[in-house]
Amino acid sequence: MNEIVATESGDARVTWHPAPHPHLVLAASHGAGGGIEARDLQALARVLPAHGVTVALVEQPWRVAGKKVAPAPKTLDTGWRGIWPALTGPGLPVVAGGRSAGARVACRTAQELGAAAVLALSFPLHPPGRPEKSRVDELLGAGVPTLVVQGGNDPFGKPAEFPAGGAYELVEVPYGDHGFAVPKRAGIGESEALAVLTDAVVAWVRSLG
């Protein structure tokens, strides 16, 4: 089920994957280089409804408008704020989530919007090859329970680069790149890599109560 939502940044689109007996909503947005067809977002939409989690895949206004380049972070945040009332409409706690740039938006706005938690997929800790340009403050500033799922070979930040003792949990998808693709030499296939991700999210969601 698709829903068009008007925001100050333009019309956004929410694709709902309802759970039969939901107790939680996971709202997850895409990154700057792709849409909700991303393999990790689609895997969560397939798996989580059976565990009582309604999944809302959110397309930011720039994607709905057919633009090729994502706008500035401030504009992304404005769009996310505009979508939020539709996400809370079912009257359930909402986990704010996203992959890459979408994860940054979720972290930056979580406390302000009253998110129950944050799911950060492929959090872009820094631009590739630029570890000095760290965005760790955004992650640490989420202020709510946070799960980071990161590919072992993500050029935007490998798991070992994340600071120890942070106020978040971190799960590694072995050999995964920024989109959780794994090379043939990895010894695990794409379905197994995605199962690491979805199993971790299912367990984490249960821990939220």
N, C-alpha and C. Protein backbone atom coordinates (compact mmCIF):
# COMPACT_ATOMS: atom_id res chain seq x y z
N MET A 1 0.85 -1.19 0.00
CA MET A 1 0.00 0.00 0.00
C MET A 1 0.88 1.24 0.00
N ASN A 2 0.66 2.11 -0.96
CA ASN A 2 1.43 3.34 -1.07
C ASN A 2 0.62 4.53 -0.56
N GLU A 3 1.31 5.45 0.08
CA GLU A 3 0.68 6.66 0.59
C GLU A 3 1.55 7.86 0.23
N ILE A 4 0.96 8.85 -0.41
CA ILE A 4 1.67 10.08 -0.73
C ILE A 4 1.48 11.05 0.44
N VAL A 5 2.58 11.62 0.91
CA VAL A 5 2.55 12.52 2.06
C VAL A 5 3.18 13.85 1.66
N ALA A 6 2.44 14.92 1.82
CA ALA A 6 2.96 16.25 1.49
C ALA A 6 3.88 16.74 2.60
N THR A 7 5.04 17.27 2.22
CA THR A 7 5.98 17.85 3.18
C THR A 7 6.45 19.20 2.64
N GLU A 8 7.17 19.95 3.46
CA GLU A 8 7.70 21.23 3.02
C GLU A 8 8.74 21.07 1.91
N SER A 9 9.28 19.87 1.76
CA SER A 9 10.27 19.61 0.72
C SER A 9 9.65 19.00 -0.53
N GLY A 10 8.34 18.85 -0.53
CA GLY A 10 7.65 18.19 -1.65
C GLY A 10 6.96 16.93 -1.20
N ASP A 11 6.34 16.24 -2.13
CA ASP A 11 5.61 15.02 -1.81
C ASP A 11 6.57 13.85 -1.59
N ALA A 12 6.38 13.17 -0.46
CA ALA A 12 7.10 11.94 -0.17
C ALA A 12 6.15 10.76 -0.40
N ARG A 13 6.71 9.55 -0.40
CA ARG A 13 5.88 8.37 -0.58
C ARG A 13 6.25 7.33 0.47
N VAL A 14 5.23 6.76 1.09
CA VAL A 14 5.43 5.69 2.08
C VAL A 14 4.81 4.41 1.53
N THR A 15 5.61 3.36 1.46
CA THR A 15 5.12 2.05 1.06
C THR A 15 5.00 1.18 2.30
N TRP A 16 3.77 0.83 2.63
CA TRP A 16 3.49 0.10 3.87
C TRP A 16 3.53 -1.40 3.63
N HIS A 17 4.19 -2.10 4.57
CA HIS A 17 4.20 -3.56 4.60
C HIS A 17 3.65 -3.96 5.98
N PRO A 18 2.33 -4.08 6.10
CA PRO A 18 1.72 -4.24 7.42
C PRO A 18 1.92 -5.63 8.03
N ALA A 19 2.08 -5.62 9.34
CA ALA A 19 2.11 -6.86 10.10
C ALA A 19 0.68 -7.24 10.48
N PRO A 20 0.37 -8.54 10.57
CA PRO A 20 -0.99 -8.95 10.94
C PRO A 20 -1.40 -8.45 12.33
N HIS A 21 -0.48 -8.51 13.27
CA HIS A 21 -0.75 -8.06 14.65
C HIS A 21 0.42 -7.19 15.10
N PRO A 22 0.49 -5.96 14.63
CA PRO A 22 1.68 -5.14 14.86
C PRO A 22 1.76 -4.59 16.28
N HIS A 23 2.98 -4.48 16.77
CA HIS A 23 3.23 -3.81 18.04
C HIS A 23 4.24 -2.67 17.87
N LEU A 24 4.73 -2.51 16.63
CA LEU A 24 5.80 -1.55 16.37
C LEU A 24 5.79 -1.22 14.88
N VAL A 25 6.22 -0.01 14.57
CA VAL A 25 6.44 0.38 13.17
C VAL A 25 7.94 0.66 12.98
N LEU A 26 8.52 0.08 11.93
CA LEU A 26 9.86 0.46 11.51
C LEU A 26 9.72 1.32 10.27
N ALA A 27 10.11 2.57 10.37
CA ALA A 27 10.12 3.47 9.23
C ALA A 27 11.55 3.59 8.73
N ALA A 28 11.79 3.21 7.49
CA ALA A 28 13.16 3.17 6.98
C ALA A 28 13.24 3.86 5.63
N SER A 29 14.22 4.75 5.50
CA SER A 29 14.42 5.48 4.27
C SER A 29 15.72 5.05 3.59
N HIS A 30 15.86 5.49 2.37
CA HIS A 30 16.95 5.07 1.50
C HIS A 30 18.16 5.99 1.64
N GLY A 31 19.20 5.67 0.89
CA GLY A 31 20.39 6.50 0.89
C GLY A 31 20.37 7.53 -0.21
N ALA A 32 21.52 8.18 -0.41
CA ALA A 32 21.62 9.24 -1.41
C ALA A 32 21.82 8.70 -2.81
N GLY A 33 22.16 7.42 -2.93
CA GLY A 33 22.46 6.87 -4.24
C GLY A 33 21.46 5.85 -4.74
N GLY A 34 20.33 5.71 -4.06
CA GLY A 34 19.35 4.72 -4.48
C GLY A 34 18.05 4.90 -3.74
N GLY A 35 17.12 3.98 -3.98
CA GLY A 35 15.80 4.09 -3.39
C GLY A 35 15.46 2.92 -2.49
N ILE A 36 14.17 2.71 -2.29
CA ILE A 36 13.73 1.67 -1.36
C ILE A 36 13.85 0.27 -1.95
N GLU A 37 14.34 0.18 -3.20
CA GLU A 37 14.59 -1.15 -3.77
C GLU A 37 15.88 -1.75 -3.23
N ALA A 38 16.62 -1.04 -2.38
CA ALA A 38 17.86 -1.56 -1.81
C ALA A 38 17.62 -2.91 -1.15
N ARG A 39 18.58 -3.81 -1.30
CA ARG A 39 18.40 -5.20 -0.85
C ARG A 39 18.12 -5.31 0.65
N ASP A 40 18.76 -4.44 1.45
CA ASP A 40 18.54 -4.55 2.90
C ASP A 40 17.14 -4.07 3.29
N LEU A 41 16.67 -2.99 2.67
CA LEU A 41 15.33 -2.50 2.99
C LEU A 41 14.26 -3.50 2.56
N GLN A 42 14.45 -4.09 1.38
CA GLN A 42 13.48 -5.07 0.91
C GLN A 42 13.49 -6.33 1.78
N ALA A 43 14.66 -6.73 2.25
CA ALA A 43 14.74 -7.91 3.12
C ALA A 43 13.98 -7.66 4.43
N LEU A 44 14.14 -6.47 5.00
CA LEU A 44 13.42 -6.15 6.23
C LEU A 44 11.91 -6.13 5.98
N ALA A 45 11.48 -5.62 4.84
CA ALA A 45 10.05 -5.57 4.53
C ALA A 45 9.47 -6.97 4.38
N ARG A 46 10.28 -7.92 3.92
CA ARG A 46 9.81 -9.30 3.78
C ARG A 46 9.73 -10.02 5.12
N VAL A 47 10.71 -9.76 5.99
CA VAL A 47 10.87 -10.58 7.20
C VAL A 47 10.13 -10.04 8.41
N LEU A 48 10.19 -8.74 8.65
CA LEU A 48 9.72 -8.19 9.93
C LEU A 48 8.22 -8.29 10.17
N PRO A 49 7.35 -8.16 9.16
CA PRO A 49 5.92 -8.25 9.47
C PRO A 49 5.51 -9.53 10.19
N ALA A 50 6.18 -10.64 9.91
CA ALA A 50 5.87 -11.89 10.59
C ALA A 50 6.25 -11.85 12.07
N HIS A 51 7.01 -10.85 12.47
CA HIS A 51 7.44 -10.70 13.86
C HIS A 51 6.74 -9.51 14.53
N GLY A 52 5.62 -9.10 13.99
CA GLY A 52 4.81 -8.07 14.62
C GLY A 52 5.27 -6.65 14.34
N VAL A 53 6.10 -6.47 13.31
CA VAL A 53 6.61 -5.13 12.99
C VAL A 53 6.10 -4.72 11.61
N THR A 54 5.30 -3.67 11.58
CA THR A 54 4.90 -3.09 10.31
C THR A 54 6.06 -2.27 9.76
N VAL A 55 6.40 -2.49 8.50
CA VAL A 55 7.52 -1.79 7.88
C VAL A 55 6.98 -0.72 6.94
N ALA A 56 7.46 0.50 7.12
CA ALA A 56 7.10 1.62 6.25
C ALA A 56 8.37 2.06 5.52
N LEU A 57 8.45 1.79 4.24
CA LEU A 57 9.60 2.21 3.45
C LEU A 57 9.32 3.60 2.88
N VAL A 58 10.20 4.52 3.21
CA VAL A 58 9.96 5.94 2.94
C VAL A 58 10.84 6.42 1.80
N GLU A 59 10.20 7.02 0.80
CA GLU A 59 10.93 7.66 -0.29
C GLU A 59 10.89 9.17 -0.09
N GLN A 60 12.05 9.75 0.03
CA GLN A 60 12.15 11.19 0.24
C GLN A 60 11.64 11.94 -0.99
N PRO A 61 11.18 13.19 -0.81
CA PRO A 61 10.61 13.95 -1.93
C PRO A 61 11.49 14.04 -3.17
N TRP A 62 12.80 14.12 -2.99
CA TRP A 62 13.66 14.24 -4.17
C TRP A 62 13.60 12.99 -5.03
N ARG A 63 13.42 11.82 -4.41
CA ARG A 63 13.29 10.59 -5.18
C ARG A 63 11.93 10.53 -5.87
N VAL A 64 10.90 10.92 -5.16
CA VAL A 64 9.55 10.91 -5.73
C VAL A 64 9.48 11.84 -6.95
N ALA A 65 10.21 12.94 -6.85
CA ALA A 65 10.23 13.92 -7.95
C ALA A 65 11.11 13.49 -9.12
N GLY A 66 11.81 12.37 -8.98
CA GLY A 66 12.63 11.86 -10.06
C GLY A 66 13.99 12.51 -10.20
N LYS A 67 14.44 13.21 -9.15
CA LYS A 67 15.75 13.85 -9.21
C LYS A 67 16.86 12.82 -8.98
N LYS A 68 18.02 13.10 -9.52
CA LYS A 68 19.14 12.15 -9.47
C LYS A 68 20.06 12.37 -8.28
N VAL A 69 20.05 13.58 -7.74
CA VAL A 69 21.00 13.93 -6.69
C VAL A 69 20.24 14.33 -5.43
N ALA A 70 20.66 13.77 -4.30
CA ALA A 70 20.01 14.10 -3.03
C ALA A 70 20.31 15.54 -2.63
N PRO A 71 19.36 16.20 -1.97
CA PRO A 71 19.60 17.57 -1.51
C PRO A 71 20.45 17.59 -0.24
N ALA A 72 20.64 18.78 0.30
CA ALA A 72 21.44 18.96 1.51
C ALA A 72 20.79 18.26 2.70
N PRO A 73 21.60 17.90 3.70
CA PRO A 73 21.06 17.23 4.89
C PRO A 73 19.87 17.96 5.52
N LYS A 74 19.94 19.28 5.59
CA LYS A 74 18.84 20.04 6.20
C LYS A 74 17.53 19.79 5.47
N THR A 75 17.57 19.70 4.14
CA THR A 75 16.37 19.44 3.36
C THR A 75 15.87 18.02 3.58
N LEU A 76 16.78 17.06 3.71
CA LEU A 76 16.39 15.69 4.02
C LEU A 76 15.69 15.62 5.37
N ASP A 77 16.22 16.32 6.35
CA ASP A 77 15.60 16.34 7.68
C ASP A 77 14.20 16.94 7.62
N THR A 78 14.04 18.01 6.83
CA THR A 78 12.72 18.64 6.70
C THR A 78 11.71 17.66 6.10
N GLY A 79 12.13 16.94 5.08
CA GLY A 79 11.25 15.95 4.48
C GLY A 79 10.86 14.87 5.47
N TRP A 80 11.81 14.39 6.25
CA TRP A 80 11.56 13.32 7.23
C TRP A 80 10.59 13.82 8.31
N ARG A 81 10.79 15.05 8.76
CA ARG A 81 9.86 15.61 9.75
C ARG A 81 8.42 15.66 9.21
N GLY A 82 8.30 16.01 7.93
CA GLY A 82 6.98 16.09 7.33
C GLY A 82 6.29 14.75 7.18
N ILE A 83 7.09 13.70 7.04
CA ILE A 83 6.55 12.35 6.88
C ILE A 83 6.14 11.76 8.23
N TRP A 84 6.76 12.22 9.31
CA TRP A 84 6.62 11.57 10.61
C TRP A 84 5.16 11.42 11.09
N PRO A 85 4.30 12.43 10.95
CA PRO A 85 2.92 12.24 11.41
C PRO A 85 2.21 11.05 10.75
N ALA A 86 2.51 10.79 9.49
CA ALA A 86 1.92 9.63 8.83
C ALA A 86 2.44 8.33 9.42
N LEU A 87 3.71 8.34 9.84
CA LEU A 87 4.32 7.13 10.40
C LEU A 87 3.77 6.82 11.79
N THR A 88 3.42 7.84 12.54
CA THR A 88 2.86 7.63 13.88
C THR A 88 1.34 7.44 13.82
N GLY A 89 0.75 7.56 12.65
CA GLY A 89 -0.69 7.44 12.50
C GLY A 89 -1.30 6.17 13.05
N PRO A 90 -0.63 5.00 12.86
CA PRO A 90 -1.19 3.77 13.42
C PRO A 90 -1.25 3.74 14.95
N GLY A 91 -0.63 4.70 15.62
CA GLY A 91 -0.68 4.77 17.07
C GLY A 91 0.28 3.83 17.77
N LEU A 92 1.30 3.39 17.08
CA LEU A 92 2.30 2.47 17.62
C LEU A 92 3.64 3.18 17.78
N PRO A 93 4.52 2.67 18.65
CA PRO A 93 5.87 3.22 18.71
C PRO A 93 6.54 3.08 17.35
N VAL A 94 7.35 4.07 16.99
CA VAL A 94 8.02 4.06 15.69
C VAL A 94 9.53 4.04 15.88
N VAL A 95 10.17 3.06 15.24
CA VAL A 95 11.62 3.03 15.15
C VAL A 95 12.01 3.78 13.89
N ALA A 96 12.84 4.80 14.03
CA ALA A 96 13.33 5.55 12.88
C ALA A 96 14.54 4.84 12.30
N GLY A 97 14.51 4.59 11.02
CA GLY A 97 15.62 3.86 10.42
C GLY A 97 15.93 4.35 9.03
N GLY A 98 16.98 3.78 8.50
CA GLY A 98 17.38 4.11 7.14
C GLY A 98 18.74 3.55 6.85
N ARG A 99 19.08 3.60 5.57
CA ARG A 99 20.40 3.16 5.18
C ARG A 99 21.20 4.39 4.72
N SER A 100 22.48 4.42 5.07
CA SER A 100 23.41 5.46 4.65
C SER A 100 22.89 6.85 5.02
N ALA A 101 22.62 7.71 4.03
CA ALA A 101 22.13 9.05 4.33
C ALA A 101 20.83 9.00 5.12
N GLY A 102 20.00 8.00 4.86
CA GLY A 102 18.76 7.84 5.62
C GLY A 102 19.01 7.54 7.08
N ALA A 103 20.09 6.80 7.36
CA ALA A 103 20.47 6.53 8.75
C ALA A 103 20.90 7.80 9.46
N ARG A 104 21.61 8.67 8.74
CA ARG A 104 22.02 9.95 9.34
C ARG A 104 20.80 10.79 9.70
N VAL A 105 19.83 10.84 8.80
CA VAL A 105 18.60 11.61 9.07
C VAL A 105 17.92 11.06 10.32
N ALA A 106 17.79 9.73 10.41
CA ALA A 106 17.14 9.12 11.56
C ALA A 106 17.84 9.48 12.86
N CYS A 107 19.18 9.46 12.84
CA CYS A 107 19.94 9.80 14.05
C CYS A 107 19.75 11.27 14.42
N ARG A 108 19.82 12.15 13.44
CA ARG A 108 19.75 13.59 13.72
C ARG A 108 18.41 14.02 14.28
N THR A 109 17.34 13.31 13.94
CA THR A 109 15.99 13.76 14.30
C THR A 109 15.30 12.88 15.34
N ALA A 110 15.95 11.83 15.81
CA ALA A 110 15.28 10.83 16.65
C ALA A 110 14.67 11.43 17.91
N GLN A 111 15.48 12.16 18.66
CA GLN A 111 14.97 12.71 19.92
C GLN A 111 13.88 13.74 19.69
N GLU A 112 14.10 14.61 18.73
CA GLU A 112 13.14 15.66 18.43
C GLU A 112 11.76 15.09 18.08
N LEU A 113 11.74 13.99 17.32
CA LEU A 113 10.48 13.44 16.84
C LEU A 113 9.89 12.39 17.78
N GLY A 114 10.64 11.99 18.78
CA GLY A 114 10.13 11.00 19.73
C GLY A 114 10.22 9.58 19.23
N ALA A 115 11.23 9.28 18.41
CA ALA A 115 11.43 7.91 17.93
C ALA A 115 11.71 6.98 19.10
N ALA A 116 11.20 5.77 19.02
CA ALA A 116 11.43 4.78 20.08
C ALA A 116 12.86 4.27 20.05
N ALA A 117 13.47 4.25 18.86
CA ALA A 117 14.82 3.74 18.69
C ALA A 117 15.26 4.11 17.28
N VAL A 118 16.53 3.80 16.96
CA VAL A 118 17.07 4.07 15.63
C VAL A 118 17.73 2.81 15.09
N LEU A 119 17.41 2.49 13.83
CA LEU A 119 18.10 1.42 13.11
C LEU A 119 18.94 2.07 12.01
N ALA A 120 20.26 1.96 12.13
CA ALA A 120 21.18 2.59 11.18
C ALA A 120 21.85 1.50 10.34
N LEU A 121 21.46 1.42 9.09
CA LEU A 121 22.03 0.45 8.16
C LEU A 121 23.13 1.13 7.35
N SER A 122 24.31 0.55 7.33
CA SER A 122 25.43 1.12 6.57
C SER A 122 25.64 2.59 6.91
N PHE A 123 25.76 2.87 8.20
CA PHE A 123 25.95 4.26 8.62
C PHE A 123 27.24 4.80 7.99
N PRO A 124 27.16 5.92 7.26
CA PRO A 124 28.35 6.46 6.60
C PRO A 124 29.22 7.25 7.58
N LEU A 125 30.04 6.52 8.29
CA LEU A 125 30.85 7.12 9.36
C LEU A 125 31.74 8.23 8.82
N HIS A 126 32.18 8.08 7.57
CA HIS A 126 33.00 9.11 6.92
C HIS A 126 32.92 8.89 5.41
N PRO A 127 33.25 9.89 4.61
CA PRO A 127 33.35 9.65 3.16
C PRO A 127 34.48 8.64 2.89
N PRO A 128 34.36 7.86 1.82
CA PRO A 128 35.41 6.87 1.53
C PRO A 128 36.79 7.53 1.43
N GLY A 129 37.74 6.96 2.17
CA GLY A 129 39.11 7.46 2.15
C GLY A 129 39.32 8.73 2.95
N ARG A 130 38.31 9.18 3.68
CA ARG A 130 38.43 10.44 4.44
C ARG A 130 38.02 10.21 5.90
N PRO A 131 38.73 9.37 6.63
CA PRO A 131 38.34 9.08 8.02
C PRO A 131 38.35 10.30 8.92
N GLU A 132 39.10 11.35 8.54
CA GLU A 132 39.13 12.56 9.36
C GLU A 132 37.81 13.33 9.31
N LYS A 133 36.97 13.03 8.32
CA LYS A 133 35.66 13.69 8.18
C LYS A 133 34.60 12.85 8.88
N SER A 134 34.79 12.61 10.15
CA SER A 134 33.91 11.70 10.89
C SER A 134 32.53 12.31 11.16
N ARG A 135 31.53 11.43 11.07
CA ARG A 135 30.15 11.81 11.40
C ARG A 135 29.68 11.09 12.66
N VAL A 136 30.62 10.64 13.46
CA VAL A 136 30.26 9.85 14.63
C VAL A 136 29.39 10.63 15.60
N ASP A 137 29.52 11.96 15.64
CA ASP A 137 28.70 12.75 16.55
C ASP A 137 27.21 12.60 16.25
N GLU A 138 26.87 12.45 14.97
CA GLU A 138 25.46 12.24 14.62
C GLU A 138 24.95 10.93 15.21
N LEU A 139 25.76 9.89 15.09
CA LEU A 139 25.37 8.59 15.63
C LEU A 139 25.25 8.63 17.14
N LEU A 140 26.25 9.20 17.79
CA LEU A 140 26.24 9.26 19.25
C LEU A 140 25.16 10.18 19.78
N GLY A 141 24.71 11.11 18.95
CA GLY A 141 23.70 12.05 19.39
C GLY A 141 22.27 11.58 19.22
N ALA A 142 22.07 10.35 18.75
CA ALA A 142 20.71 9.87 18.51
C ALA A 142 19.87 9.93 19.79
N GLY A 143 20.46 9.55 20.92
CA GLY A 143 19.77 9.71 22.20
C GLY A 143 18.72 8.67 22.50
N VAL A 144 18.61 7.63 21.67
CA VAL A 144 17.66 6.53 21.89
C VAL A 144 18.39 5.23 21.58
N PRO A 145 17.84 4.08 21.98
CA PRO A 145 18.49 2.82 21.65
C PRO A 145 18.77 2.73 20.14
N THR A 146 19.99 2.37 19.79
CA THR A 146 20.41 2.40 18.39
C THR A 146 21.12 1.10 18.02
N LEU A 147 20.73 0.56 16.88
CA LEU A 147 21.42 -0.60 16.31
C LEU A 147 22.05 -0.18 15.00
N VAL A 148 23.35 -0.43 14.87
CA VAL A 148 24.08 -0.20 13.63
C VAL A 148 24.36 -1.57 13.00
N VAL A 149 23.99 -1.73 11.74
CA VAL A 149 24.36 -2.94 11.00
C VAL A 149 25.28 -2.49 9.87
N GLN A 150 26.51 -3.00 9.89
CA GLN A 150 27.56 -2.48 9.02
C GLN A 150 28.26 -3.62 8.28
N GLY A 151 28.50 -3.42 7.00
CA GLY A 151 29.26 -4.39 6.24
C GLY A 151 30.72 -4.40 6.66
N GLY A 152 31.31 -5.58 6.68
CA GLY A 152 32.70 -5.70 7.11
C GLY A 152 33.68 -4.98 6.21
N ASN A 153 33.30 -4.74 4.95
CA ASN A 153 34.17 -4.05 4.00
C ASN A 153 33.54 -2.75 3.51
N ASP A 154 32.79 -2.10 4.35
CA ASP A 154 32.13 -0.85 3.95
C ASP A 154 33.16 0.28 3.86
N PRO A 155 33.35 0.87 2.67
CA PRO A 155 34.34 1.94 2.55
C PRO A 155 33.94 3.22 3.27
N PHE A 156 32.68 3.32 3.66
CA PHE A 156 32.22 4.48 4.42
C PHE A 156 32.44 4.31 5.93
N GLY A 157 33.05 3.22 6.30
CA GLY A 157 33.33 2.96 7.71
C GLY A 157 33.21 1.49 8.04
N LYS A 158 34.35 0.84 8.26
CA LYS A 158 34.33 -0.57 8.65
C LYS A 158 33.97 -0.68 10.14
N PRO A 159 33.41 -1.80 10.56
CA PRO A 159 33.01 -1.93 11.97
C PRO A 159 34.10 -1.57 12.97
N ALA A 160 35.36 -1.93 12.67
CA ALA A 160 36.45 -1.65 13.61
C ALA A 160 36.72 -0.16 13.77
N GLU A 161 36.23 0.66 12.84
CA GLU A 161 36.45 2.11 12.92
C GLU A 161 35.46 2.80 13.86
N PHE A 162 34.41 2.12 14.22
CA PHE A 162 33.43 2.74 15.13
C PHE A 162 33.99 2.73 16.55
N PRO A 163 33.81 3.82 17.29
CA PRO A 163 34.37 3.90 18.63
C PRO A 163 33.77 2.86 19.57
N ALA A 164 34.61 2.25 20.37
CA ALA A 164 34.15 1.27 21.35
C ALA A 164 33.43 1.99 22.48
N GLY A 165 32.48 1.28 23.07
CA GLY A 165 31.79 1.84 24.22
C GLY A 165 30.75 2.89 23.89
N GLY A 166 30.41 3.00 22.60
CA GLY A 166 29.38 3.96 22.22
C GLY A 166 28.00 3.53 22.67
N ALA A 167 27.08 4.46 22.68
CA ALA A 167 25.72 4.17 23.14
C ALA A 167 24.90 3.55 22.01
N TYR A 168 25.41 2.45 21.48
CA TYR A 168 24.73 1.76 20.39
C TYR A 168 25.24 0.32 20.34
N GLU A 169 24.48 -0.52 19.70
CA GLU A 169 24.92 -1.88 19.40
C GLU A 169 25.38 -1.91 17.95
N LEU A 170 26.36 -2.76 17.66
CA LEU A 170 26.87 -2.86 16.30
C LEU A 170 26.95 -4.32 15.89
N VAL A 171 26.38 -4.62 14.74
CA VAL A 171 26.42 -5.96 14.17
C VAL A 171 27.13 -5.90 12.83
N GLU A 172 28.06 -6.79 12.61
CA GLU A 172 28.81 -6.82 11.34
C GLU A 172 28.25 -7.87 10.41
N VAL A 173 28.05 -7.48 9.16
CA VAL A 173 27.73 -8.43 8.10
C VAL A 173 29.06 -8.78 7.42
N PRO A 174 29.58 -9.98 7.62
CA PRO A 174 30.91 -10.32 7.12
C PRO A 174 31.06 -10.07 5.62
N TYR A 175 32.16 -9.41 5.29
CA TYR A 175 32.54 -9.15 3.89
C TYR A 175 31.63 -8.17 3.16
N GLY A 176 30.56 -7.69 3.80
CA GLY A 176 29.60 -6.85 3.10
C GLY A 176 30.17 -5.49 2.74
N ASP A 177 29.74 -4.97 1.58
CA ASP A 177 30.13 -3.61 1.21
C ASP A 177 29.05 -2.64 1.68
N HIS A 178 29.03 -1.44 1.14
CA HIS A 178 28.07 -0.43 1.61
C HIS A 178 26.63 -0.83 1.34
N GLY A 179 26.42 -1.67 0.32
CA GLY A 179 25.07 -2.15 0.02
C GLY A 179 24.83 -3.57 0.49
N PHE A 180 25.75 -4.10 1.32
CA PHE A 180 25.69 -5.46 1.86
C PHE A 180 25.86 -6.53 0.78
N ALA A 181 26.41 -6.17 -0.37
CA ALA A 181 26.82 -7.18 -1.34
C ALA A 181 28.10 -7.84 -0.84
N VAL A 182 28.25 -9.13 -1.11
CA VAL A 182 29.44 -9.86 -0.68
C VAL A 182 30.14 -10.46 -1.90
N PRO A 183 31.48 -10.48 -1.89
CA PRO A 183 32.20 -11.05 -3.04
C PRO A 183 32.10 -12.58 -3.05
N LYS A 184 32.35 -13.15 -4.21
CA LYS A 184 32.26 -14.61 -4.33
C LYS A 184 33.24 -15.33 -3.41
N ARG A 185 34.39 -14.69 -3.16
CA ARG A 185 35.40 -15.33 -2.31
C ARG A 185 35.00 -15.35 -0.84
N ALA A 186 33.89 -14.68 -0.50
CA ALA A 186 33.50 -14.55 0.91
C ALA A 186 33.10 -15.87 1.54
N GLY A 187 32.63 -16.80 0.74
CA GLY A 187 32.19 -18.07 1.30
C GLY A 187 30.76 -18.05 1.79
N ILE A 188 30.10 -16.89 1.73
CA ILE A 188 28.68 -16.80 2.05
C ILE A 188 28.00 -16.07 0.90
N GLY A 189 26.76 -16.44 0.64
CA GLY A 189 26.02 -15.82 -0.43
C GLY A 189 25.24 -14.60 0.05
N GLU A 190 24.60 -13.92 -0.89
CA GLU A 190 23.83 -12.72 -0.55
C GLU A 190 22.71 -13.04 0.42
N SER A 191 22.02 -14.17 0.22
CA SER A 191 20.91 -14.51 1.11
C SER A 191 21.39 -14.74 2.53
N GLU A 192 22.57 -15.36 2.67
CA GLU A 192 23.11 -15.58 4.02
C GLU A 192 23.53 -14.26 4.66
N ALA A 193 24.10 -13.37 3.86
CA ALA A 193 24.50 -12.07 4.39
C ALA A 193 23.28 -11.28 4.86
N LEU A 194 22.22 -11.32 4.07
CA LEU A 194 21.00 -10.60 4.45
C LEU A 194 20.34 -11.24 5.67
N ALA A 195 20.51 -12.56 5.81
CA ALA A 195 19.95 -13.23 6.99
C ALA A 195 20.66 -12.78 8.26
N VAL A 196 21.97 -12.51 8.18
CA VAL A 196 22.68 -11.95 9.34
C VAL A 196 22.02 -10.64 9.75
N LEU A 197 21.73 -9.81 8.75
CA LEU A 197 21.10 -8.51 9.01
C LEU A 197 19.71 -8.66 9.61
N THR A 198 18.85 -9.44 8.94
CA THR A 198 17.46 -9.54 9.41
C THR A 198 17.37 -10.25 10.75
N ASP A 199 18.19 -11.27 10.97
CA ASP A 199 18.18 -11.96 12.28
C ASP A 199 18.56 -10.99 13.40
N ALA A 200 19.57 -10.15 13.12
CA ALA A 200 20.00 -9.19 14.13
C ALA A 200 18.91 -8.18 14.43
N VAL A 201 18.22 -7.72 13.40
CA VAL A 201 17.16 -6.72 13.61
C VAL A 201 15.98 -7.34 14.35
N VAL A 202 15.61 -8.56 14.01
CA VAL A 202 14.51 -9.23 14.70
C VAL A 202 14.83 -9.36 16.20
N ALA A 203 16.05 -9.83 16.52
CA ALA A 203 16.45 -9.99 17.92
C ALA A 203 16.45 -8.65 18.65
N TRP A 204 16.95 -7.62 17.98
CA TRP A 204 17.03 -6.28 18.59
C TRP A 204 15.64 -5.71 18.85
N VAL A 205 14.76 -5.86 17.89
CA VAL A 205 13.39 -5.35 18.05
C VAL A 205 12.72 -6.03 19.24
N ARG A 206 12.94 -7.33 19.40
CA ARG A 206 12.38 -8.02 20.56
C ARG A 206 12.91 -7.45 21.86
N SER A 207 14.19 -7.05 21.85
CA SER A 207 14.80 -6.54 23.07
C SER A 207 14.23 -5.18 23.46
N LEU A 208 13.60 -4.50 22.50
CA LEU A 208 13.05 -3.18 22.80
C LEU A 208 11.78 -3.28 23.66
N GLY A 209 11.19 -4.48 23.70
CA GLY A 209 10.00 -4.70 24.53
C GLY A 209 8.73 -4.35 23.79
